[in-house]
PDB file of N, CA and C in Angstrom:
ATOM      1  N   MET A   1      82.239  97.853  81.212  1.00  0.00           N
ATOM      2  CA  MET A   1      82.409  99.119  81.885  1.00  0.00           C
ATOM      3  C   MET A   1      83.517  99.965  81.263  1.00  0.00           C
ATOM      4  N   ILE A   2      84.037  99.597  80.162  1.00  0.00           N
ATOM      5  CA  ILE A   2      85.120 100.322  79.516  1.00  0.00           C
ATOM      6  C   ILE A   2      84.683 101.720  79.098  1.00  0.00           C
ATOM      7  N   PHE A   3      83.406 101.925  78.824  1.00  0.00           N
ATOM      8  CA  PHE A   3      82.927 103.194  78.311  1.00  0.00           C
ATOM      9  C   PHE A   3      82.567 104.200  79.389  1.00  0.00           C
ATOM     10  N   LEU A   4      82.901 103.971  80.646  1.00  0.00           N
ATOM     11  CA  LEU A   4      82.628 104.940  81.697  1.00  0.00           C
ATOM     12  C   LEU A   4      83.539 106.150  81.545  1.00  0.00           C
ATOM     13  N   SER A   5      82.985 107.326  81.781  1.00  0.00           N
ATOM     14  CA  SER A   5      83.786 108.539  81.710  1.00  0.00           C
ATOM     15  C   SER A   5      84.386 108.828  83.083  1.00  0.00           C
ATOM     16  N   PHE A   6      85.086 109.930  83.191  1.00  0.00           N
ATOM     17  CA  PHE A   6      85.686 110.308  84.459  1.00  0.00           C
ATOM     18  C   PHE A   6      84.631 110.633  85.510  1.00  0.00           C
ATOM     19  N   ASN A   7      83.455 111.040  85.089  1.00  0.00           N
ATOM     20  CA  ASN A   7      82.348 111.319  85.992  1.00  0.00           C
ATOM     21  C   ASN A   7      81.231 110.338  85.673  1.00  0.00           C
ATOM     22  N   SER A   8      81.050 109.360  86.525  1.00  0.00           N
ATOM     23  CA  SER A   8      80.072 108.308  86.247  1.00  0.00           C
ATOM     24  C   SER A   8      78.908 108.390  87.216  1.00  0.00           C
ATOM     25  N   ASN A   9      77.785 108.875  86.719  1.00  0.00           N
ATOM     26  CA  ASN A   9      76.577 108.928  87.519  1.00  0.00           C
ATOM     27  C   ASN A   9      75.671 107.793  87.065  1.00  0.00           C
ATOM     28  N   LEU A  10      75.666 106.741  87.839  1.00  0.00           N
ATOM     29  CA  LEU A  10      74.834 105.570  87.555  1.00  0.00           C
ATOM     30  C   LEU A  10      73.723 105.445  88.592  1.00  0.00           C
ATOM     31  N   SER A  11      73.330 106.560  89.174  1.00  0.00           N
ATOM     32  CA  SER A  11      72.309 106.567  90.219  1.00  0.00           C
ATOM     33  C   SER A  11      70.927 106.274  89.655  1.00  0.00           C
ATOM     34  N   PHE A  12      70.118 105.628  90.478  1.00  0.00           N
ATOM     35  CA  PHE A  12      68.711 105.357  90.186  1.00  0.00           C
ATOM     36  C   PHE A  12      68.511 104.637  88.854  1.00  0.00           C
ATOM     37  N   ASN A  13      69.297 103.607  88.624  1.00  0.00           N
ATOM     38  CA  ASN A  13      69.196 102.799  87.411  1.00  0.00           C
ATOM     39  C   ASN A  13      68.780 101.365  87.699  1.00  0.00           C
ATOM     40  N   TYR A  14      68.342 101.097  88.909  1.00  0.00           N
ATOM     41  CA  TYR A  14      67.896  99.751  89.307  1.00  0.00           C
ATOM     42  C   TYR A  14      68.982  98.700  89.092  1.00  0.00           C
ATOM     43  N   ILE A  15      70.234  99.097  89.302  1.00  0.00           N
ATOM     44  CA  ILE A  15      71.354  98.163  89.190  1.00  0.00           C
ATOM     45  C   ILE A  15      71.356  97.280  90.431  1.00  0.00           C
ATOM     46  N   SER A  16      71.465  95.988  90.239  1.00  0.00           N
ATOM     47  CA  SER A  16      71.492  95.071  91.383  1.00  0.00           C
ATOM     48  C   SER A  16      72.779  94.260  91.357  1.00  0.00           C
ATOM     49  N   GLY A  17      73.048  93.599  92.464  1.00  0.00           N
ATOM     50  CA  GLY A  17      74.265  92.804  92.588  1.00  0.00           C
ATOM     51  C   GLY A  17      75.305  93.554  93.390  1.00  0.00           C
ATOM     52  N   SER A  18      76.539  93.145  93.255  1.00  0.00           N
ATOM     53  CA  SER A  18      77.618  93.777  94.014  1.00  0.00           C
ATOM     54  C   SER A  18      78.350  94.807  93.151  1.00  0.00           C
ATOM     55  N   ILE A  19      79.096  95.674  93.818  1.00  0.00           N
ATOM     56  CA  ILE A  19      79.896  96.669  93.110  1.00  0.00           C
ATOM     57  C   ILE A  19      81.102  95.950  92.511  1.00  0.00           C
ATOM     58  N   PRO A  20      81.350  96.099  91.223  1.00  0.00           N
ATOM     59  CA  PRO A  20      82.497  95.419  90.607  1.00  0.00           C
ATOM     60  C   PRO A  20      83.824  95.893  91.200  1.00  0.00           C
ATOM     61  N   SER A  21      84.719  94.975  91.406  1.00  0.00           N
ATOM     62  CA  SER A  21      86.020  95.329  91.984  1.00  0.00           C
ATOM     63  C   SER A  21      86.923  96.025  90.975  1.00  0.00           C
ATOM     64  N   ASN A  22      86.627  95.928  89.694  1.00  0.00           N
ATOM     65  CA  ASN A  22      87.513  96.516  88.684  1.00  0.00           C
ATOM     66  C   ASN A  22      87.302  98.014  88.465  1.00  0.00           C
ATOM     67  N   PHE A  23      86.469  98.669  89.276  1.00  0.00           N
ATOM     68  CA  PHE A  23      86.355 100.122  89.185  1.00  0.00           C
ATOM     69  C   PHE A  23      87.699 100.780  89.454  1.00  0.00           C
ATOM     70  N   SER A  24      88.580 100.114  90.179  1.00  0.00           N
ATOM     71  CA  SER A  24      89.889 100.692  90.506  1.00  0.00           C
ATOM     72  C   SER A  24      90.746 100.902  89.263  1.00  0.00           C
ATOM     73  N   GLN A  25      90.389 100.286  88.164  1.00  0.00           N
ATOM     74  CA  GLN A  25      91.163 100.414  86.927  1.00  0.00           C
ATOM     75  C   GLN A  25      90.740 101.618  86.091  1.00  0.00           C
ATOM     76  N   ILE A  26      89.727 102.341  86.543  1.00  0.00           N
ATOM     77  CA  ILE A  26      89.205 103.486  85.796  1.00  0.00           C
ATOM     78  C   ILE A  26      89.529 104.754  86.583  1.00  0.00           C
ATOM     79  N   PRO A  27      90.165 105.751  85.988  1.00  0.00           N
ATOM     80  CA  PRO A  27      90.538 106.967  86.724  1.00  0.00           C
ATOM     81  C   PRO A  27      89.336 107.892  86.946  1.00  0.00           C
ATOM     82  N   LEU A  28      88.424 107.467  87.789  1.00  0.00           N
ATOM     83  CA  LEU A  28      87.201 108.225  88.032  1.00  0.00           C
ATOM     84  C   LEU A  28      87.443 109.405  88.966  1.00  0.00           C
ATOM     85  N   VAL A  29      86.702 110.474  88.752  1.00  0.00           N
ATOM     86  CA  VAL A  29      86.677 111.613  89.655  1.00  0.00           C
ATOM     87  C   VAL A  29      85.414 111.527  90.500  1.00  0.00           C
ATOM     88  N   ILE A  30      84.301 111.171  89.875  1.00  0.00           N
ATOM     89  CA  ILE A  30      83.024 111.012  90.573  1.00  0.00           C
ATOM     90  C   ILE A  30      82.466 109.633  90.256  1.00  0.00           C
ATOM     91  N   LEU A  31      82.078 108.918  91.302  1.00  0.00           N
ATOM     92  CA  LEU A  31      81.391 107.638  91.142  1.00  0.00           C
ATOM     93  C   LEU A  31      80.127 107.702  91.979  1.00  0.00           C
ATOM     94  N   SER A  32      78.990 107.814  91.316  1.00  0.00           N
ATOM     95  CA  SER A  32      77.703 107.905  91.994  1.00  0.00           C
ATOM     96  C   SER A  32      76.864 106.686  91.638  1.00  0.00           C
ATOM     97  N   LEU A  33      76.596 105.875  92.638  1.00  0.00           N
ATOM     98  CA  LEU A  33      75.806 104.650  92.467  1.00  0.00           C
ATOM     99  C   LEU A  33      74.592 104.652  93.394  1.00  0.00           C
ATOM    100  N   SER A  34      74.169 105.799  93.855  1.00  0.00           N
ATOM    101  CA  SER A  34      73.083 105.869  94.832  1.00  0.00           C
ATOM    102  C   SER A  34      71.746 105.445  94.236  1.00  0.00           C
ATOM    103  N   GLY A  35      70.848 105.017  95.103  1.00  0.00           N
ATOM    104  CA  GLY A  35      69.492 104.690  94.707  1.00  0.00           C
ATOM    105  C   GLY A  35      69.355 103.484  93.814  1.00  0.00           C
ATOM    106  N   ASN A  36      70.254 102.538  93.928  1.00  0.00           N
ATOM    107  CA  ASN A  36      70.166 101.299  93.168  1.00  0.00           C
ATOM    108  C   ASN A  36      69.814 100.153  94.113  1.00  0.00           C
ATOM    109  N   ARG A  37      70.089  98.967  93.715  1.00  0.00           N
ATOM    110  CA  ARG A  37      69.822  97.787  94.550  1.00  0.00           C
ATOM    111  C   ARG A  37      71.112  97.011  94.789  1.00  0.00           C
ATOM    112  N   LEU A  38      72.181  97.748  94.979  1.00  0.00           N
ATOM    113  CA  LEU A  38      73.484  97.122  95.180  1.00  0.00           C
ATOM    114  C   LEU A  38      73.556  96.493  96.564  1.00  0.00           C
ATOM    115  N   SER A  39      74.220  95.360  96.655  1.00  0.00           N
ATOM    116  CA  SER A  39      74.349  94.651  97.930  1.00  0.00           C
ATOM    117  C   SER A  39      75.786  94.176  98.096  1.00  0.00           C
ATOM    118  N   GLY A  40      76.077  93.672  99.264  1.00  0.00           N
ATOM    119  CA  GLY A  40      77.425  93.185  99.548  1.00  0.00           C
ATOM    120  C   GLY A  40      78.296  94.285 100.113  1.00  0.00           C
ATOM    121  N   GLU A  41      79.588  94.032 100.099  1.00  0.00           N
ATOM    122  CA  GLU A  41      80.548  94.979 100.657  1.00  0.00           C
ATOM    123  C   GLU A  41      81.077  95.938  99.591  1.00  0.00           C
ATOM    124  N   ILE A  42      81.578  97.062 100.049  1.00  0.00           N
ATOM    125  CA  ILE A  42      82.266  97.996  99.158  1.00  0.00           C
ATOM    126  C   ILE A  42      83.636  97.390  98.877  1.00  0.00           C
ATOM    127  N   PRO A  43      83.978  97.167  97.619  1.00  0.00           N
ATOM    128  CA  PRO A  43      85.261  96.520  97.321  1.00  0.00           C
ATOM    129  C   PRO A  43      86.461  97.393  97.699  1.00  0.00           C
ATOM    130  N   LYS A  44      87.513  96.736  98.147  1.00  0.00           N
ATOM    131  CA  LYS A  44      88.739  97.436  98.531  1.00  0.00           C
ATOM    132  C   LYS A  44      89.300  98.243  97.365  1.00  0.00           C
ATOM    133  N   GLY A  45      89.060  97.797  96.141  1.00  0.00           N
ATOM    134  CA  GLY A  45      89.565  98.488  94.957  1.00  0.00           C
ATOM    135  C   GLY A  45      89.085  99.920  94.831  1.00  0.00           C
ATOM    136  N   ILE A  46      87.928 100.243  95.408  1.00  0.00           N
ATOM    137  CA  ILE A  46      87.423 101.622  95.366  1.00  0.00           C
ATOM    138  C   ILE A  46      88.432 102.547  96.045  1.00  0.00           C
ATOM    139  N   GLY A  47      89.061 102.068  97.099  1.00  0.00           N
ATOM    140  CA  GLY A  47      90.048 102.869  97.822  1.00  0.00           C
ATOM    141  C   GLY A  47      91.362 103.032  97.094  1.00  0.00           C
ATOM    142  N   GLU A  48      91.475 102.459  95.925  1.00  0.00           N
ATOM    143  CA  GLU A  48      92.695 102.568  95.122  1.00  0.00           C
ATOM    144  C   GLU A  48      92.534 103.528  93.942  1.00  0.00           C
ATOM    145  N   ILE A  49      91.378 104.202  93.867  1.00  0.00           N
ATOM    146  CA  ILE A  49      91.137 105.176  92.790  1.00  0.00           C
ATOM    147  C   ILE A  49      91.630 106.532  93.288  1.00  0.00           C
ATOM    148  N   GLY A  50      92.894 106.805  93.090  1.00  0.00           N
ATOM    149  CA  GLY A  50      93.520 108.012  93.627  1.00  0.00           C
ATOM    150  C   GLY A  50      92.908 109.309  93.133  1.00  0.00           C
ATOM    151  N   SER A  51      92.263 109.296  91.993  1.00  0.00           N
ATOM    152  CA  SER A  51      91.653 110.503  91.418  1.00  0.00           C
ATOM    153  C   SER A  51      90.254 110.778  91.968  1.00  0.00           C
ATOM    154  N   LEU A  52      89.706 109.864  92.758  1.00  0.00           N
ATOM    155  CA  LEU A  52      88.313 109.955  93.198  1.00  0.00           C
ATOM    156  C   LEU A  52      88.090 111.141  94.141  1.00  0.00           C
ATOM    157  N   GLU A  53      87.116 111.993  93.793  1.00  0.00           N
ATOM    158  CA  GLU A  53      86.744 113.141  94.615  1.00  0.00           C
ATOM    159  C   GLU A  53      85.386 112.947  95.273  1.00  0.00           C
ATOM    160  N   GLU A  54      84.495 112.215  94.623  1.00  0.00           N
ATOM    161  CA  GLU A  54      83.163 111.967  95.177  1.00  0.00           C
ATOM    162  C   GLU A  54      82.807 110.500  95.027  1.00  0.00           C
ATOM    163  N   LEU A  55      82.358 109.910  96.128  1.00  0.00           N
ATOM    164  CA  LEU A  55      81.871 108.534  96.133  1.00  0.00           C
ATOM    165  C   LEU A  55      80.502 108.555  96.789  1.00  0.00           C
ATOM    166  N   VAL A  56      79.462 108.304  96.004  1.00  0.00           N
ATOM    167  CA  VAL A  56      78.088 108.411  96.485  1.00  0.00           C
ATOM    168  C   VAL A  56      77.443 107.035  96.381  1.00  0.00           C
ATOM    169  N   LEU A  57      77.153 106.429  97.532  1.00  0.00           N
ATOM    170  CA  LEU A  57      76.632 105.059  97.561  1.00  0.00           C
ATOM    171  C   LEU A  57      75.336 104.933  98.355  1.00  0.00           C
ATOM    172  N   GLU A  58      74.747 106.032  98.765  1.00  0.00           N
ATOM    173  CA  GLU A  58      73.564 105.980  99.627  1.00  0.00           C
ATOM    174  C   GLU A  58      72.381 105.296  98.947  1.00  0.00           C
ATOM    175  N   ALA A  59      71.437 104.870  99.764  1.00  0.00           N
ATOM    176  CA  ALA A  59      70.185 104.252  99.308  1.00  0.00           C
ATOM    177  C   ALA A  59      70.426 102.972  98.519  1.00  0.00           C
ATOM    178  N   ASN A  60      71.294 102.123  99.036  1.00  0.00           N
ATOM    179  CA  ASN A  60      71.538 100.787  98.508  1.00  0.00           C
ATOM    180  C   ASN A  60      71.409  99.804  99.669  1.00  0.00           C
ATOM    181  N   GLN A  61      71.767  98.586  99.464  1.00  0.00           N
ATOM    182  CA  GLN A  61      71.679  97.565 100.506  1.00  0.00           C
ATOM    183  C   GLN A  61      73.070  97.016 100.816  1.00  0.00           C
ATOM    184  N   LEU A  62      74.034  97.913 100.898  1.00  0.00           N
ATOM    185  CA  LEU A  62      75.415  97.520 101.152  1.00  0.00           C
ATOM    186  C   LEU A  62      75.592  97.154 102.620  1.00  0.00           C
ATOM    187  N   ASP A  63      76.524  96.247 102.889  1.00  0.00           N
ATOM    188  CA  ASP A  63      76.808  95.866 104.270  1.00  0.00           C
ATOM    189  C   ASP A  63      78.311  95.722 104.454  1.00  0.00           C
ATOM    190  N   GLY A  64      78.709  95.413 105.653  1.00  0.00           N
ATOM    191  CA  GLY A  64      80.130  95.281 105.949  1.00  0.00           C
ATOM    192  C   GLY A  64      80.727  96.612 106.358  1.00  0.00           C
ATOM    193  N   HIS A  65      82.031  96.632 106.453  1.00  0.00           N
ATOM    194  CA  HIS A  65      82.767  97.822 106.875  1.00  0.00           C
ATOM    195  C   HIS A  65      83.284  98.585 105.662  1.00  0.00           C
ATOM    196  N   LEU A  66      83.534  99.865 105.870  1.00  0.00           N
ATOM    197  CA  LEU A  66      84.194 100.644 104.826  1.00  0.00           C
ATOM    198  C   LEU A  66      85.627 100.149 104.697  1.00  0.00           C
ATOM    199  N   PRO A  67      86.127  99.994 103.493  1.00  0.00           N
ATOM    200  CA  PRO A  67      87.527  99.594 103.335  1.00  0.00           C
ATOM    201  C   PRO A  67      88.450 100.634 103.978  1.00  0.00           C
ATOM    202  N   GLU A  68      89.435 100.167 104.726  1.00  0.00           N
ATOM    203  CA  GLU A  68      90.352 101.075 105.414  1.00  0.00           C
ATOM    204  C   GLU A  68      91.087 101.995 104.452  1.00  0.00           C
ATOM    205  N   ASN A  69      91.359 101.518 103.249  1.00  0.00           N
ATOM    206  CA  ASN A  69      92.139 102.336 102.321  1.00  0.00           C
ATOM    207  C   ASN A  69      91.356 103.529 101.759  1.00  0.00           C
ATOM    208  N   LEU A  70      90.055 103.652 102.074  1.00  0.00           N
ATOM    209  CA  LEU A  70      89.328 104.864 101.679  1.00  0.00           C
ATOM    210  C   LEU A  70      89.954 106.085 102.341  1.00  0.00           C
ATOM    211  N   GLY A  71      90.545 105.878 103.506  1.00  0.00           N
ATOM    212  CA  GLY A  71      91.212 106.973 104.209  1.00  0.00           C
ATOM    213  C   GLY A  71      92.448 107.485 103.495  1.00  0.00           C
ATOM    214  N   ASN A  72      92.953 106.745 102.538  1.00  0.00           N
ATOM    215  CA  ASN A  72      94.131 107.160 101.774  1.00  0.00           C
ATOM    216  C   ASN A  72      93.779 108.006 100.558  1.00  0.00           C
ATOM    217  N   LEU A  73      92.496 108.182 100.287  1.00  0.00           N
ATOM    218  CA  LEU A  73      92.072 108.947  99.107  1.00  0.00           C
ATOM    219  C   LEU A  73      92.165 110.439  99.423  1.00  0.00           C
ATOM    220  N   SER A  74      93.298 111.026  99.133  1.00  0.00           N
ATOM    221  CA  SER A  74      93.557 112.418  99.510  1.00  0.00           C
ATOM    222  C   SER A  74      92.691 113.418  98.745  1.00  0.00           C
ATOM    223  N   ASN A  75      92.148 113.036  97.601  1.00  0.00           N
ATOM    224  CA  ASN A  75      91.293 113.936  96.821  1.00  0.00           C
ATOM    225  C   ASN A  75      89.818 113.808  97.177  1.00  0.00           C
ATOM    226  N   LEU A  76      89.455 112.831  98.005  1.00  0.00           N
ATOM    227  CA  LEU A  76      88.047 112.569  98.309  1.00  0.00           C
ATOM    228  C   LEU A  76      87.448 113.720  99.111  1.00  0.00           C
ATOM    229  N   LYS A  77      86.381 114.316  98.565  1.00  0.00           N
ATOM    230  CA  LYS A  77      85.713 115.444  99.206  1.00  0.00           C
ATOM    231  C   LYS A  77      84.315 115.085  99.689  1.00  0.00           C
ATOM    232  N   ARG A  78      83.722 114.059  99.098  1.00  0.00           N
ATOM    233  CA  ARG A  78      82.350 113.672  99.453  1.00  0.00           C
ATOM    234  C   ARG A  78      82.257 112.160  99.523  1.00  0.00           C
ATOM    235  N   LEU A  79      81.762 111.682 100.652  1.00  0.00           N
ATOM    236  CA  LEU A  79      81.551 110.252 100.848  1.00  0.00           C
ATOM    237  C   LEU A  79      80.149 110.059 101.375  1.00  0.00           C
TER     238      LEU A  79
END
């Protein structure tokens, strides 16, 4: 995942499995993973991407609760 840009649209790519926890190490502005086959919980690390403005996860098979630290993302405009 080293080659991801600041705007990562990985929607509708038939990606399966869980969301990697190391996304927090990439200074993303947009992370769009909608329309895949992702499962499991949203990793807490997503809430540590201070630059994140858009997080799009719809149309997956995610479960669990939203990480509480998502509320700390002051730049987040779309969830």
